[in-house]
Amino acid sequence: MEHVSDFLTYALGTIAFCTAIGLVVTFSNQVLKSSRDTKELVTSQSNVVSTAYDGSNDESIMSKEQVIEYFLSGLEYTTSVDGIVFSTDEFNSANFNYGIISNDNYERTIKRKANGSIDSVEFRSVRPR
């Protein structure tokens, strides 16, 4: 009888342990999926919110690839990356050092003139949320 009791205790302990492991794995997978979904949402949105000129800016989060694509297409406006300014008249996309675009995500800020036209574009590296 004592052996049966020990066996049942061992079996119940094993079931409880396996259940706990299963719950931990399930929870971890859900957290990882949620994290990936959030990162994808943040890095894939490139909507620009238009504002009237009042010192406010148009902002969006862009991926490294989107920023490189922006420079490859040629500059229409004076543009800066983390404080390094590039003028349209001296910019050459073929000779541009794309190595300066090294972070994964950038906040794009579009500065506007009083008449609403674009004055310049700034990219500032940011950490994903």
N, C-alpha and C. Protein backbone atom coordinates (compact mmCIF):
# COMPACT_ATOMS: atom_id res chain seq x y z
N MET A 1 0.82 -1.20 0.00
CA MET A 1 0.00 0.00 0.00
C MET A 1 0.86 1.26 0.00
N GLU A 2 1.97 1.18 0.71
CA GLU A 2 2.87 2.33 0.79
C GLU A 2 3.46 2.63 -0.59
N HIS A 3 3.75 1.58 -1.37
CA HIS A 3 4.31 1.77 -2.71
C HIS A 3 3.31 2.44 -3.64
N VAL A 4 2.04 2.09 -3.50
CA VAL A 4 0.99 2.69 -4.33
C VAL A 4 0.87 4.17 -4.00
N SER A 5 0.91 4.51 -2.73
CA SER A 5 0.82 5.90 -2.30
C SER A 5 2.00 6.71 -2.83
N ASP A 6 3.20 6.14 -2.74
CA ASP A 6 4.39 6.83 -3.27
C ASP A 6 4.28 7.02 -4.78
N PHE A 7 3.79 6.00 -5.47
CA PHE A 7 3.65 6.08 -6.92
C PHE A 7 2.65 7.17 -7.31
N LEU A 8 1.51 7.24 -6.61
CA LEU A 8 0.50 8.26 -6.90
C LEU A 8 1.05 9.66 -6.62
N THR A 9 1.79 9.82 -5.54
CA THR A 9 2.39 11.12 -5.21
C THR A 9 3.38 11.52 -6.30
N TYR A 10 4.20 10.56 -6.73
CA TYR A 10 5.18 10.81 -7.79
C TYR A 10 4.47 11.18 -9.10
N ALA A 11 3.42 10.46 -9.44
CA ALA A 11 2.67 10.70 -10.68
C ALA A 11 2.02 12.08 -10.66
N LEU A 12 1.39 12.44 -9.53
CA LEU A 12 0.76 13.76 -9.43
C LEU A 12 1.80 14.88 -9.49
N GLY A 13 2.94 14.68 -8.86
CA GLY A 13 4.02 15.67 -8.91
C GLY A 13 4.54 15.86 -10.32
N THR A 14 4.68 14.75 -11.05
CA THR A 14 5.15 14.81 -12.43
C THR A 14 4.16 15.55 -13.31
N ILE A 15 2.87 15.27 -13.12
CA ILE A 15 1.83 15.95 -13.90
C ILE A 15 1.84 17.45 -13.60
N ALA A 16 1.94 17.82 -12.32
CA ALA A 16 1.97 19.24 -11.94
C ALA A 16 3.20 19.93 -12.54
N PHE A 17 4.35 19.26 -12.48
CA PHE A 17 5.58 19.83 -13.02
C PHE A 17 5.47 20.04 -14.53
N CYS A 18 4.98 19.04 -15.24
CA CYS A 18 4.84 19.14 -16.70
C CYS A 18 3.84 20.23 -17.09
N THR A 19 2.77 20.36 -16.32
CA THR A 19 1.77 21.40 -16.57
C THR A 19 2.41 22.78 -16.39
N ALA A 20 3.20 22.94 -15.32
CA ALA A 20 3.87 24.22 -15.07
C ALA A 20 4.83 24.56 -16.21
N ILE A 21 5.59 23.58 -16.67
CA ILE A 21 6.53 23.81 -17.78
C ILE A 21 5.75 24.21 -19.04
N GLY A 22 4.65 23.53 -19.31
CA GLY A 22 3.83 23.85 -20.47
C GLY A 22 3.29 25.27 -20.42
N LEU A 23 2.84 25.70 -19.24
CA LEU A 23 2.33 27.06 -19.08
C LEU A 23 3.44 28.09 -19.30
N VAL A 24 4.62 27.83 -18.77
CA VAL A 24 5.75 28.76 -18.95
C VAL A 24 6.12 28.88 -20.42
N VAL A 25 6.20 27.76 -21.13
CA VAL A 25 6.54 27.78 -22.55
C VAL A 25 5.47 28.53 -23.35
N THR A 26 4.21 28.26 -23.07
CA THR A 26 3.11 28.93 -23.77
C THR A 26 3.16 30.43 -23.53
N PHE A 27 3.35 30.84 -22.29
CA PHE A 27 3.40 32.26 -21.95
C PHE A 27 4.59 32.93 -22.64
N SER A 28 5.75 32.27 -22.63
CA SER A 28 6.95 32.82 -23.28
C SER A 28 6.72 33.02 -24.77
N ASN A 29 6.11 32.04 -25.42
CA ASN A 29 5.83 32.15 -26.86
C ASN A 29 4.88 33.30 -27.16
N GLN A 30 3.87 33.49 -26.30
CA GLN A 30 2.93 34.58 -26.51
C GLN A 30 3.61 35.93 -26.34
N VAL A 31 4.50 36.05 -25.35
CA VAL A 31 5.22 37.30 -25.13
C VAL A 31 6.13 37.60 -26.32
N LEU A 32 6.84 36.58 -26.83
CA LEU A 32 7.72 36.77 -27.98
C LEU A 32 6.93 37.18 -29.22
N LYS A 33 5.78 36.53 -29.45
CA LYS A 33 4.96 36.87 -30.61
C LYS A 33 4.44 38.30 -30.50
N SER A 34 3.99 38.67 -29.30
CA SER A 34 3.50 40.03 -29.08
C SER A 34 4.61 41.05 -29.32
N SER A 35 5.80 40.73 -28.86
CA SER A 35 6.95 41.62 -29.05
C SER A 35 7.27 41.78 -30.54
N ARG A 36 7.27 40.67 -31.28
CA ARG A 36 7.54 40.73 -32.73
C ARG A 36 6.46 41.52 -33.45
N ASP A 37 5.20 41.30 -33.07
CA ASP A 37 4.10 42.03 -33.71
C ASP A 37 4.23 43.53 -33.46
N THR A 38 4.59 43.90 -32.23
CA THR A 38 4.74 45.31 -31.89
C THR A 38 5.88 45.93 -32.68
N LYS A 39 7.01 45.23 -32.76
CA LYS A 39 8.16 45.74 -33.51
C LYS A 39 7.79 45.91 -34.98
N GLU A 40 7.09 44.93 -35.54
CA GLU A 40 6.68 45.01 -36.95
C GLU A 40 5.76 46.19 -37.18
N LEU A 41 4.83 46.42 -36.25
CA LEU A 41 3.90 47.53 -36.38
C LEU A 41 4.64 48.86 -36.34
N VAL A 42 5.57 48.99 -35.40
CA VAL A 42 6.32 50.25 -35.25
C VAL A 42 7.19 50.52 -36.46
N THR A 43 7.88 49.49 -36.95
CA THR A 43 8.82 49.71 -38.04
C THR A 43 8.17 49.76 -39.41
N SER A 44 6.94 49.28 -39.54
CA SER A 44 6.33 49.27 -40.87
C SER A 44 5.46 50.49 -41.12
N GLN A 45 5.09 51.21 -40.08
CA GLN A 45 4.24 52.38 -40.30
C GLN A 45 5.09 53.56 -40.73
N SER A 46 4.73 54.16 -41.83
CA SER A 46 5.45 55.35 -42.27
C SER A 46 4.46 56.44 -42.64
N ASN A 47 3.39 56.53 -41.86
CA ASN A 47 2.40 57.56 -42.12
C ASN A 47 2.94 58.92 -41.68
N VAL A 48 2.62 59.93 -42.44
CA VAL A 48 3.04 61.28 -42.09
C VAL A 48 1.80 62.08 -41.73
N VAL A 49 1.86 62.73 -40.60
CA VAL A 49 0.74 63.56 -40.16
C VAL A 49 1.03 64.99 -40.57
N SER A 50 0.18 65.56 -41.41
CA SER A 50 0.40 66.93 -41.86
C SER A 50 -0.01 67.91 -40.78
N THR A 51 0.79 68.95 -40.63
CA THR A 51 0.47 69.99 -39.65
C THR A 51 0.69 71.34 -40.31
N ALA A 52 -0.05 72.34 -39.85
CA ALA A 52 0.20 73.70 -40.30
C ALA A 52 1.50 74.16 -39.66
N TYR A 53 2.17 75.13 -40.25
CA TYR A 53 3.45 75.57 -39.70
C TYR A 53 3.22 76.30 -38.38
N ASP A 54 3.73 75.73 -37.32
CA ASP A 54 3.67 76.38 -36.01
C ASP A 54 4.85 75.91 -35.19
N GLY A 55 5.87 75.44 -35.89
CA GLY A 55 7.02 74.89 -35.18
C GLY A 55 6.86 73.40 -34.94
N SER A 56 5.66 72.85 -35.17
CA SER A 56 5.51 71.40 -35.00
C SER A 56 6.07 70.70 -36.22
N ASN A 57 6.19 69.40 -36.09
CA ASN A 57 6.83 68.62 -37.14
C ASN A 57 5.94 67.47 -37.58
N ASP A 58 6.22 66.97 -38.77
CA ASP A 58 5.60 65.73 -39.23
C ASP A 58 6.55 64.61 -38.85
N GLU A 59 6.03 63.56 -38.22
CA GLU A 59 6.92 62.51 -37.74
C GLU A 59 6.40 61.13 -38.13
N SER A 60 7.33 60.24 -38.33
CA SER A 60 7.00 58.84 -38.49
C SER A 60 8.26 58.04 -38.20
N ILE A 61 8.09 56.75 -37.92
CA ILE A 61 9.22 55.87 -37.67
C ILE A 61 9.51 55.11 -38.97
N MET A 62 10.76 55.14 -39.39
CA MET A 62 11.14 54.45 -40.62
C MET A 62 12.25 53.45 -40.32
N SER A 63 12.26 52.37 -41.06
CA SER A 63 13.31 51.36 -40.89
C SER A 63 14.57 51.83 -41.61
N LYS A 64 15.67 51.19 -41.29
CA LYS A 64 16.96 51.48 -41.93
C LYS A 64 16.82 51.37 -43.45
N GLU A 65 16.13 50.32 -43.92
CA GLU A 65 15.96 50.10 -45.36
C GLU A 65 15.18 51.24 -46.01
N GLN A 66 14.15 51.75 -45.31
CA GLN A 66 13.36 52.85 -45.87
C GLN A 66 14.18 54.13 -45.97
N VAL A 67 15.05 54.36 -44.97
CA VAL A 67 15.90 55.55 -45.00
C VAL A 67 16.90 55.45 -46.16
N ILE A 68 17.49 54.28 -46.33
CA ILE A 68 18.43 54.08 -47.45
C ILE A 68 17.72 54.29 -48.78
N GLU A 69 16.50 53.76 -48.89
CA GLU A 69 15.70 53.94 -50.11
C GLU A 69 15.46 55.43 -50.39
N TYR A 70 15.20 56.19 -49.32
CA TYR A 70 14.98 57.63 -49.44
C TYR A 70 16.22 58.30 -50.05
N PHE A 71 17.40 57.95 -49.55
CA PHE A 71 18.63 58.54 -50.08
C PHE A 71 18.94 58.05 -51.50
N LEU A 72 18.64 56.79 -51.79
CA LEU A 72 18.89 56.25 -53.13
C LEU A 72 18.06 56.97 -54.19
N SER A 73 16.86 57.42 -53.80
CA SER A 73 15.99 58.09 -54.76
C SER A 73 16.43 59.53 -55.03
N GLY A 74 17.45 60.01 -54.33
CA GLY A 74 17.95 61.37 -54.54
C GLY A 74 17.25 62.34 -53.61
N LEU A 75 17.95 63.40 -53.25
CA LEU A 75 17.40 64.35 -52.28
C LEU A 75 16.68 65.49 -52.98
N GLU A 76 15.46 65.75 -52.53
CA GLU A 76 14.73 66.93 -52.99
C GLU A 76 14.86 68.05 -51.97
N TYR A 77 15.21 67.71 -50.74
CA TYR A 77 15.27 68.69 -49.65
C TYR A 77 16.56 68.49 -48.87
N THR A 78 17.03 69.56 -48.24
CA THR A 78 18.15 69.42 -47.32
C THR A 78 17.77 68.38 -46.28
N THR A 79 18.65 67.42 -46.05
CA THR A 79 18.33 66.27 -45.20
C THR A 79 19.46 66.02 -44.23
N SER A 80 19.12 65.63 -43.00
CA SER A 80 20.17 65.29 -42.03
C SER A 80 19.90 63.92 -41.42
N VAL A 81 20.99 63.23 -41.08
CA VAL A 81 20.91 61.94 -40.38
C VAL A 81 21.71 62.10 -39.10
N ASP A 82 21.03 62.01 -37.97
CA ASP A 82 21.68 62.17 -36.66
C ASP A 82 22.60 63.39 -36.62
N GLY A 83 22.12 64.51 -37.17
CA GLY A 83 22.86 65.77 -37.09
C GLY A 83 23.80 66.03 -38.24
N ILE A 84 24.05 65.06 -39.12
CA ILE A 84 24.92 65.27 -40.29
C ILE A 84 24.04 65.76 -41.44
N VAL A 85 24.31 66.98 -41.93
CA VAL A 85 23.43 67.62 -42.91
C VAL A 85 23.94 67.39 -44.33
N PHE A 86 23.00 67.09 -45.24
CA PHE A 86 23.32 66.89 -46.65
C PHE A 86 22.45 67.83 -47.48
N SER A 87 23.10 68.64 -48.28
CA SER A 87 22.42 69.61 -49.12
C SER A 87 22.07 68.97 -50.46
N THR A 88 20.97 69.39 -51.05
CA THR A 88 20.53 68.79 -52.32
C THR A 88 21.50 69.07 -53.45
N ASP A 89 22.10 70.28 -53.49
CA ASP A 89 22.96 70.61 -54.62
C ASP A 89 24.31 69.92 -54.59
N GLU A 90 24.75 69.42 -53.44
CA GLU A 90 26.04 68.72 -53.40
C GLU A 90 25.90 67.23 -53.14
N PHE A 91 24.67 66.72 -53.11
CA PHE A 91 24.44 65.31 -52.80
C PHE A 91 24.57 64.44 -54.04
N ASN A 92 25.27 63.31 -53.90
CA ASN A 92 25.41 62.34 -54.99
C ASN A 92 25.11 60.96 -54.41
N SER A 93 24.00 60.37 -54.81
CA SER A 93 23.58 59.08 -54.22
C SER A 93 24.58 57.96 -54.50
N ALA A 94 25.34 58.06 -55.58
CA ALA A 94 26.31 57.02 -55.91
C ALA A 94 27.51 57.05 -54.97
N ASN A 95 27.90 58.23 -54.51
CA ASN A 95 29.07 58.36 -53.65
C ASN A 95 28.71 58.52 -52.17
N PHE A 96 27.43 58.41 -51.85
CA PHE A 96 26.99 58.61 -50.47
C PHE A 96 27.45 57.45 -49.59
N ASN A 97 27.91 57.76 -48.39
CA ASN A 97 28.34 56.73 -47.43
C ASN A 97 27.12 56.21 -46.68
N TYR A 98 26.55 55.13 -47.17
CA TYR A 98 25.34 54.57 -46.55
C TYR A 98 25.64 53.92 -45.21
N GLY A 99 26.92 53.81 -44.85
CA GLY A 99 27.30 53.25 -43.55
C GLY A 99 26.86 54.12 -42.38
N ILE A 100 26.58 55.40 -42.65
CA ILE A 100 26.13 56.25 -41.53
C ILE A 100 24.70 55.90 -41.11
N ILE A 101 23.98 55.21 -41.98
CA ILE A 101 22.62 54.77 -41.64
C ILE A 101 22.77 53.38 -41.03
N SER A 102 23.11 53.35 -39.76
CA SER A 102 23.50 52.08 -39.14
C SER A 102 22.48 51.55 -38.15
N ASN A 103 21.60 52.40 -37.64
CA ASN A 103 20.62 51.94 -36.65
C ASN A 103 19.40 51.33 -37.34
N ASP A 104 18.64 50.56 -36.58
CA ASP A 104 17.50 49.84 -37.16
C ASP A 104 16.30 50.73 -37.45
N ASN A 105 16.10 51.77 -36.64
CA ASN A 105 14.90 52.61 -36.78
C ASN A 105 15.26 54.09 -36.66
N TYR A 106 14.55 54.90 -37.45
CA TYR A 106 14.78 56.34 -37.44
C TYR A 106 13.44 57.06 -37.34
N GLU A 107 13.44 58.15 -36.58
CA GLU A 107 12.28 59.02 -36.52
C GLU A 107 12.48 60.07 -37.60
N ARG A 108 11.52 60.19 -38.49
CA ARG A 108 11.62 61.18 -39.56
C ARG A 108 10.84 62.42 -39.15
N THR A 109 11.46 63.57 -39.26
CA THR A 109 10.81 64.83 -38.96
C THR A 109 10.87 65.71 -40.20
N ILE A 110 9.72 66.17 -40.65
CA ILE A 110 9.65 67.04 -41.82
C ILE A 110 9.37 68.45 -41.33
N LYS A 111 10.29 69.36 -41.60
CA LYS A 111 10.11 70.76 -41.19
C LYS A 111 9.52 71.52 -42.37
N ARG A 112 8.56 72.37 -42.07
CA ARG A 112 7.84 73.09 -43.12
C ARG A 112 8.08 74.60 -43.02
N LYS A 113 7.98 75.25 -44.16
CA LYS A 113 8.07 76.71 -44.22
C LYS A 113 6.72 77.30 -43.86
N ALA A 114 6.66 78.61 -43.74
CA ALA A 114 5.42 79.29 -43.37
C ALA A 114 4.30 79.02 -44.37
N ASN A 115 4.64 78.83 -45.64
CA ASN A 115 3.61 78.60 -46.66
C ASN A 115 3.18 77.13 -46.73
N GLY A 116 3.77 76.28 -45.89
CA GLY A 116 3.38 74.87 -45.84
C GLY A 116 4.26 73.94 -46.66
N SER A 117 5.13 74.51 -47.49
CA SER A 117 6.01 73.65 -48.29
C SER A 117 7.12 73.08 -47.40
N ILE A 118 7.69 71.98 -47.84
CA ILE A 118 8.72 71.31 -47.04
C ILE A 118 10.02 72.10 -47.11
N ASP A 119 10.62 72.32 -45.95
CA ASP A 119 11.89 73.03 -45.85
C ASP A 119 13.05 72.04 -45.77
N SER A 120 12.93 71.05 -44.87
CA SER A 120 14.01 70.06 -44.71
C SER A 120 13.45 68.80 -44.07
N VAL A 121 14.26 67.74 -44.14
CA VAL A 121 13.88 66.45 -43.56
C VAL A 121 15.00 66.02 -42.63
N GLU A 122 14.63 65.56 -41.43
CA GLU A 122 15.62 65.09 -40.47
C GLU A 122 15.33 63.64 -40.10
N PHE A 123 16.39 62.85 -39.99
CA PHE A 123 16.28 61.48 -39.50
C PHE A 123 17.09 61.39 -38.21
N ARG A 124 16.44 60.89 -37.15
CA ARG A 124 17.12 60.73 -35.87
C ARG A 124 16.93 59.30 -35.43
N SER A 125 18.05 58.61 -35.12
CA SER A 125 17.93 57.20 -34.73
C SER A 125 17.21 57.07 -33.40
N VAL A 126 16.33 56.07 -33.33
CA VAL A 126 15.55 55.81 -32.12
C VAL A 126 15.58 54.32 -31.82
N ARG A 127 15.34 54.00 -30.57
CA ARG A 127 15.24 52.59 -30.17
C ARG A 127 13.81 52.13 -30.36
N PRO A 128 13.62 50.89 -30.81
CA PRO A 128 12.25 50.38 -30.94
C PRO A 128 11.59 50.28 -29.59
N ARG A 129 10.29 50.52 -29.58
CA ARG A 129 9.55 50.49 -28.31
C ARG A 129 9.06 49.11 -28.03
